[in-house]
C-alpha atoms as a PDB file:
ATOM      1  CA  UNK A   1       0.004  -0.008   0.002  1.00  0.00           C
ATOM      2  CA  UNK A   2       1.206   3.479  -0.824  1.00  0.00           C
ATOM      3  CA  UNK A   3       1.395   6.285   1.671  1.00  0.00           C
ATOM      4  CA  UNK A   4      -1.749   7.852   0.128  1.00  0.00           C
ATOM      5  CA  UNK A   5      -3.942   4.770   0.572  1.00  0.00           C
ATOM      6  CA  UNK A   6      -5.206   2.627   3.425  1.00  0.00           C
ATOM      7  CA  UNK A   7      -6.639  -0.870   3.423  1.00  0.00           C
ATOM      8  CA  UNK A   8     -10.411  -0.897   3.190  1.00  0.00           C
ATOM      9  CA  UNK A   9     -11.079  -4.576   2.557  1.00  0.00           C
ATOM     10  CA  UNK A  10      -9.539  -7.875   1.426  1.00  0.00           C
ATOM     11  CA  UNK A  11     -11.528  -8.852  -1.648  1.00  0.00           C
ATOM     12  CA  UNK A  12     -10.046 -12.143  -2.909  1.00  0.00           C
ATOM     13  CA  UNK A  13      -7.539 -14.513  -1.268  1.00  0.00           C
ATOM     14  CA  UNK A  14      -5.035 -16.812  -2.933  1.00  0.00           C
ATOM     15  CA  UNK A  15      -7.589 -19.642  -3.321  1.00  0.00           C
ATOM     16  CA  UNK A  16     -10.050 -17.223  -4.873  1.00  0.00           C
ATOM     17  CA  UNK A  17      -7.441 -16.076  -7.420  1.00  0.00           C
ATOM     18  CA  UNK A  18      -6.616 -19.707  -8.234  1.00  0.00           C
ATOM     19  CA  UNK A  19     -10.303 -20.604  -8.684  1.00  0.00           C
ATOM     20  CA  UNK A  20     -10.960 -17.526 -10.846  1.00  0.00           C
ATOM     21  CA  UNK A  21      -8.016 -18.411 -13.148  1.00  0.00           C
ATOM     22  CA  UNK A  22      -9.232 -22.009 -13.457  1.00  0.00           C
ATOM     23  CA  UNK A  23     -12.736 -20.783 -14.377  1.00  0.00           C
ATOM     24  CA  UNK A  24     -11.372 -18.272 -16.903  1.00  0.00           C
ATOM     25  CA  UNK A  25      -9.207 -21.023 -18.465  1.00  0.00           C
ATOM     26  CA  UNK A  26     -12.293 -23.227 -18.890  1.00  0.00           C
ATOM     27  CA  UNK A  27     -14.264 -20.302 -20.362  1.00  0.00           C
ATOM     28  CA  UNK A  28     -11.470 -19.515 -22.852  1.00  0.00           C
ATOM     29  CA  UNK A  29     -11.379 -23.139 -24.038  1.00  0.00           C
ATOM     30  CA  UNK A  30     -15.165 -23.369 -24.262  1.00  0.00           C
ATOM     31  CA  UNK A  31     -15.688 -20.099 -26.088  1.00  0.00           C
ATOM     32  CA  UNK A  32     -12.949 -20.860 -28.594  1.00  0.00           C
ATOM     33  CA  UNK A  33     -13.973 -24.526 -29.015  1.00  0.00           C
ATOM     34  CA  UNK A  34     -10.561 -25.719 -27.935  1.00  0.00           C
ATOM     35  CA  UNK A  35      -7.101 -24.197 -28.161  1.00  0.00           C
ATOM     36  CA  UNK A  36      -6.392 -24.038 -31.876  1.00  0.00           C
ATOM     37  CA  UNK A  37      -4.760 -20.725 -32.957  1.00  0.00           C
ATOM     38  CA  UNK A  38      -4.918 -19.372 -29.378  1.00  0.00           C
ATOM     39  CA  UNK A  39      -2.076 -17.293 -27.925  1.00  0.00           C
ATOM     40  CA  UNK A  40      -1.905 -15.499 -24.582  1.00  0.00           C
ATOM     41  CA  UNK A  41      -0.326 -12.057 -24.231  1.00  0.00           C
ATOM     42  CA  UNK A  42       0.081 -10.491 -20.783  1.00  0.00           C
ATOM     43  CA  UNK A  43       0.186  -6.714 -20.393  1.00  0.00           C
ATOM     44  CA  UNK A  44       3.223  -5.792 -18.339  1.00  0.00           C
ATOM     45  CA  UNK A  45       3.406  -5.943 -15.299  1.00  0.00           C
ATOM     46  CA  UNK A  46       0.785  -8.096 -13.555  1.00  0.00           C
ATOM     47  CA  UNK A  47      -0.883  -9.326 -16.739  1.00  0.00           C
ATOM     48  CA  UNK A  48       2.271 -11.340 -17.492  1.00  0.00           C
ATOM     49  CA  UNK A  49       2.176 -13.771 -14.515  1.00  0.00           C
ATOM     50  CA  UNK A  50      -1.609 -14.025 -14.934  1.00  0.00           C
ATOM     51  CA  UNK A  51      -1.157 -15.015 -18.607  1.00  0.00           C
ATOM     52  CA  UNK A  52       1.475 -17.614 -17.633  1.00  0.00           C
ATOM     53  CA  UNK A  53      -0.833 -19.038 -14.962  1.00  0.00           C
ATOM     54  CA  UNK A  54      -3.706 -19.229 -17.474  1.00  0.00           C
ATOM     55  CA  UNK A  55      -1.401 -21.064 -19.925  1.00  0.00           C
ATOM     56  CA  UNK A  56      -0.518 -23.556 -17.140  1.00  0.00           C
ATOM     57  CA  UNK A  57      -4.218 -24.126 -16.330  1.00  0.00           C
ATOM     58  CA  UNK A  58      -5.038 -24.634 -20.010  1.00  0.00           C
ATOM     59  CA  UNK A  59      -2.205 -27.152 -20.307  1.00  0.00           C
ATOM     60  CA  UNK A  60      -3.567 -29.045 -17.269  1.00  0.00           C
ATOM     61  CA  UNK A  61      -7.066 -29.104 -18.825  1.00  0.00           C
ATOM     62  CA  UNK A  62      -6.299 -29.676 -22.513  1.00  0.00           C
ATOM     63  CA  UNK A  63      -2.711 -30.938 -22.525  1.00  0.00           C
ATOM     64  CA  UNK A  64      -1.731 -28.113 -24.923  1.00  0.00           C
ATOM     65  CA  UNK A  65       0.952 -25.560 -24.231  1.00  0.00           C
ATOM     66  CA  UNK A  66      -0.122 -22.164 -25.536  1.00  0.00           C
ATOM     67  CA  UNK A  67       2.456 -19.538 -26.504  1.00  0.00           C
ATOM     68  CA  UNK A  68       2.682 -16.687 -23.989  1.00  0.00           C
ATOM     69  CA  UNK A  69       3.928 -13.240 -24.888  1.00  0.00           C
ATOM     70  CA  UNK A  70       4.728 -10.090 -22.917  1.00  0.00           C
ATOM     71  CA  UNK A  71       3.409  -6.703 -24.076  1.00  0.00           C
ATOM     72  CA  UNK A  72       4.798  -3.371 -22.844  1.00  0.00           C
ATOM     73  CA  UNK A  73       2.418  -0.562 -23.729  1.00  0.00           C
ATOM     74  CA  UNK A  74       4.301   2.345 -22.129  1.00  0.00           C
ATOM     75  CA  UNK A  75       4.864   4.243 -25.405  1.00  0.00           C
ATOM     76  CA  UNK A  76       1.285   3.657 -26.556  1.00  0.00           C
ATOM     77  CA  UNK A  77      -0.393   5.331 -23.602  1.00  0.00           C
ATOM     78  CA  UNK A  78      -2.346   8.476 -24.270  1.00  0.00           C
ATOM     79  CA  UNK A  79      -1.633   9.735 -20.736  1.00  0.00           C
ATOM     80  CA  UNK A  80       2.122   9.259 -21.001  1.00  0.00           C
ATOM     81  CA  UNK A  81       2.945  12.811 -19.920  1.00  0.00           C
ATOM     82  CA  UNK A  82       0.934  12.306 -16.748  1.00  0.00           C
ATOM     83  CA  UNK A  83       2.470   8.881 -15.980  1.00  0.00           C
ATOM     84  CA  UNK A  84       6.098   9.947 -15.629  1.00  0.00           C
ATOM     85  CA  UNK A  85       8.674  12.441 -16.875  1.00  0.00           C
ATOM     86  CA  UNK A  86      10.875   9.664 -18.251  1.00  0.00           C
ATOM     87  CA  UNK A  87       8.825   6.510 -18.579  1.00  0.00           C
ATOM     88  CA  UNK A  88      10.646   3.252 -18.101  1.00  0.00           C
ATOM     89  CA  UNK A  89      10.233   1.262 -21.287  1.00  0.00           C
ATOM     90  CA  UNK A  90      10.560  -2.496 -20.941  1.00  0.00           C
ATOM     91  CA  UNK A  91      10.637  -4.938 -23.844  1.00  0.00           C
ATOM     92  CA  UNK A  92       7.724  -6.447 -25.629  1.00  0.00           C
ATOM     93  CA  UNK A  93       8.489 -10.144 -25.977  1.00  0.00           C
ATOM     94  CA  UNK A  94       6.230 -11.892 -28.432  1.00  0.00           C
ATOM     95  CA  UNK A  95       8.442 -14.534 -30.085  1.00  0.00           C
ATOM     96  CA  UNK A  96       5.606 -15.852 -32.286  1.00  0.00           C
ATOM     97  CA  UNK A  97       3.475 -14.613 -35.178  1.00  0.00           C
ATOM     98  CA  UNK A  98       0.084 -13.174 -34.148  1.00  0.00           C
ATOM     99  CA  UNK A  99      -1.284 -12.974 -37.708  1.00  0.00           C
ATOM    100  CA  UNK A 100      -4.468 -15.019 -37.934  1.00  0.00           C
ATOM    101  CA  UNK A 101      -4.296 -15.947 -34.229  1.00  0.00           C
ATOM    102  CA  UNK A 102      -6.924 -15.505 -31.532  1.00  0.00           C
ATOM    103  CA  UNK A 103      -5.063 -13.328 -29.029  1.00  0.00           C
ATOM    104  CA  UNK A 104      -6.160 -13.457 -25.423  1.00  0.00           C
ATOM    105  CA  UNK A 105      -4.948 -10.200 -23.928  1.00  0.00           C
ATOM    106  CA  UNK A 106      -4.494 -10.586 -20.128  1.00  0.00           C
ATOM    107  CA  UNK A 107      -4.348  -7.882 -17.472  1.00  0.00           C
ATOM    108  CA  UNK A 108      -5.035  -7.496 -13.776  1.00  0.00           C
ATOM    109  CA  UNK A 109      -7.553  -4.624 -13.536  1.00  0.00           C
ATOM    110  CA  UNK A 110      -9.927  -3.116 -16.102  1.00  0.00           C
ATOM    111  CA  UNK A 111     -10.746   0.464 -15.158  1.00  0.00           C
ATOM    112  CA  UNK A 112     -11.001   3.272 -17.732  1.00  0.00           C
ATOM    113  CA  UNK A 113     -10.123   1.061 -20.689  1.00  0.00           C
ATOM    114  CA  UNK A 114      -7.136   3.174 -21.731  1.00  0.00           C
ATOM    115  CA  UNK A 115      -4.556   0.485 -20.997  1.00  0.00           C
ATOM    116  CA  UNK A 116      -6.468  -2.028 -23.112  1.00  0.00           C
ATOM    117  CA  UNK A 117      -6.832   0.486 -25.950  1.00  0.00           C
ATOM    118  CA  UNK A 118      -3.076   1.082 -25.866  1.00  0.00           C
ATOM    119  CA  UNK A 119      -2.467  -2.671 -25.835  1.00  0.00           C
ATOM    120  CA  UNK A 120      -4.691  -3.158 -28.907  1.00  0.00           C
ATOM    121  CA  UNK A 121      -2.798  -0.398 -30.717  1.00  0.00           C
ATOM    122  CA  UNK A 122       0.503  -2.149 -29.873  1.00  0.00           C
ATOM    123  CA  UNK A 123      -0.815  -5.506 -31.027  1.00  0.00           C
ATOM    124  CA  UNK A 124      -2.107  -4.164 -34.341  1.00  0.00           C
ATOM    125  CA  UNK A 125       1.386  -2.715 -34.967  1.00  0.00           C
ATOM    126  CA  UNK A 126       2.729  -6.294 -34.581  1.00  0.00           C
ATOM    127  CA  UNK A 127       0.308  -8.038 -36.915  1.00  0.00           C
ATOM    128  CA  UNK A 128      -3.258  -8.809 -37.841  1.00  0.00           C
ATOM    129  CA  UNK A 129      -4.812 -11.193 -35.320  1.00  0.00           C
ATOM    130  CA  UNK A 130      -8.010 -13.054 -36.239  1.00  0.00           C
ATOM    131  CA  UNK A 131      -9.535 -11.770 -32.970  1.00  0.00           C
ATOM    132  CA  UNK A 132      -8.519 -10.090 -29.732  1.00  0.00           C
ATOM    133  CA  UNK A 133     -10.245 -11.197 -26.519  1.00  0.00           C
ATOM    134  CA  UNK A 134      -9.723  -9.708 -23.082  1.00  0.00           C
ATOM    135  CA  UNK A 135      -9.218 -11.626 -19.825  1.00  0.00           C
ATOM    136  CA  UNK A 136      -9.179  -9.504 -16.670  1.00  0.00           C
ATOM    137  CA  UNK A 137      -8.769 -10.471 -13.009  1.00  0.00           C
ATOM    138  CA  UNK A 138     -10.859  -7.522 -11.704  1.00  0.00           C
ATOM    139  CA  UNK A 139     -13.329  -5.308 -13.611  1.00  0.00           C
ATOM    140  CA  UNK A 140     -13.894  -2.257 -11.422  1.00  0.00           C
ATOM    141  CA  UNK A 141     -16.067  -0.191 -13.759  1.00  0.00           C
ATOM    142  CA  UNK A 142     -15.659   3.538 -14.579  1.00  0.00           C
ATOM    143  CA  UNK A 143     -14.984   2.990 -18.259  1.00  0.00           C
ATOM    144  CA  UNK A 144     -13.964   5.984 -20.359  1.00  0.00           C
ATOM    145  CA  UNK A 145     -13.785   3.963 -23.581  1.00  0.00           C
ATOM    146  CA  UNK A 146     -16.208   1.365 -24.978  1.00  0.00           C
ATOM    147  CA  UNK A 147     -14.207  -1.655 -23.913  1.00  0.00           C
ATOM    148  CA  UNK A 148     -15.587  -4.798 -22.280  1.00  0.00           C
ATOM    149  CA  UNK A 149     -13.811  -7.876 -20.917  1.00  0.00           C
ATOM    150  CA  UNK A 150     -14.601 -11.273 -22.371  1.00  0.00           C
ATOM    151  CA  UNK A 151     -13.420 -13.098 -19.234  1.00  0.00           C
ATOM    152  CA  UNK A 152     -13.621 -11.605 -15.737  1.00  0.00           C
ATOM    153  CA  UNK A 153     -12.305 -13.054 -12.519  1.00  0.00           C
ATOM    154  CA  UNK A 154     -14.251 -10.657 -10.295  1.00  0.00           C
ATOM    155  CA  UNK A 155     -16.617  -7.767 -10.984  1.00  0.00           C
ATOM    156  CA  UNK A 156     -16.022  -5.184  -8.283  1.00  0.00           C
ATOM    157  CA  UNK A 157     -17.998  -1.926  -8.463  1.00  0.00           C
ATOM    158  CA  UNK A 158     -15.833   0.799  -6.925  1.00  0.00           C
ATOM    159  CA  UNK A 159     -15.877   4.499  -6.288  1.00  0.00           C
ATOM    160  CA  UNK A 160     -13.320   6.903  -7.771  1.00  0.00           C
ATOM    161  CA  UNK A 161     -11.800   7.236  -4.266  1.00  0.00           C
ATOM    162  CA  UNK A 162     -10.973   3.540  -4.154  1.00  0.00           C
ATOM    163  CA  UNK A 163      -8.012   1.670  -5.593  1.00  0.00           C
ATOM    164  CA  UNK A 164      -7.957  -2.026  -6.489  1.00  0.00           C
ATOM    165  CA  UNK A 165      -4.579  -3.672  -5.803  1.00  0.00           C
ATOM    166  CA  UNK A 166      -3.993  -7.089  -7.360  1.00  0.00           C
ATOM    167  CA  UNK A 167      -0.985  -8.586  -5.640  1.00  0.00           C
ATOM    168  CA  UNK A 168       0.638 -11.664  -7.124  1.00  0.00           C
ATOM    169  CA  UNK A 169       3.280 -13.931  -5.725  1.00  0.00           C
ATOM    170  CA  UNK A 170       5.535 -13.330  -8.728  1.00  0.00           C
ATOM    171  CA  UNK A 171       5.536  -9.522  -8.290  1.00  0.00           C
ATOM    172  CA  UNK A 172       4.367  -8.875  -4.729  1.00  0.00           C
ATOM    173  CA  UNK A 173       5.263 -12.034  -2.786  1.00  0.00           C
ATOM    174  CA  UNK A 174       1.627 -13.034  -2.088  1.00  0.00           C
ATOM    175  CA  UNK A 175      -1.617 -13.641  -3.945  1.00  0.00           C
ATOM    176  CA  UNK A 176      -4.352 -11.304  -2.671  1.00  0.00           C
ATOM    177  CA  UNK A 177      -6.662  -8.663  -4.083  1.00  0.00           C
ATOM    178  CA  UNK A 178      -7.218  -5.655  -1.889  1.00  0.00           C
ATOM    179  CA  UNK A 179      -9.573  -2.717  -1.991  1.00  0.00           C
ATOM    180  CA  UNK A 180      -7.742   0.399  -0.833  1.00  0.00           C
ATOM    181  CA  UNK A 181      -9.064   3.828  -0.060  1.00  0.00           C
ATOM    182  CA  UNK A 182      -7.334   7.048  -1.078  1.00  0.00           C
ATOM    183  CA  UNK A 183      -6.632   9.269   1.893  1.00  0.00           C
ATOM    184  CA  UNK A 184      -5.838  12.973   1.874  1.00  0.00           C
ATOM    185  CA  UNK A 185      -2.687  13.793   3.757  1.00  0.00           C
END
């Protein structure tokens, strides 16, 4: 938690995250009638471990290992000047062709939709997928763009004063989703 937020409520524990990912994996397989032409691409930072976990679940269910890529959208953001003076640009790592593929874009929280729009711009620059679907751990509402998730771990209506924090073992040392409240200092 940052110094401008305080814990309001624990929303989902580690078991809840595991169950949500298993459900999403089943939904992806069902909706796409299997795994043919599917690829998973995680939006850096927390979308990446979520995409890898989804790939592992799909392998357990179907016995098929899906390619997993990493997408850095820093330079595609329309709010770049407000994000940082000198944004840190990581690498996009998609070592496979996305042309004609069904891309499952994976991220932790869907809020305004701007991150997803930037991710779609970045993907289109890399190729012409057959379809782009969106898998999100938490949909918190407050959309500014007409973007909807195809797969949602948890719908969580929030206020503008609240912050959703998806913590994952790979990045934060524990699996937990927290609802934080902004505090004026």
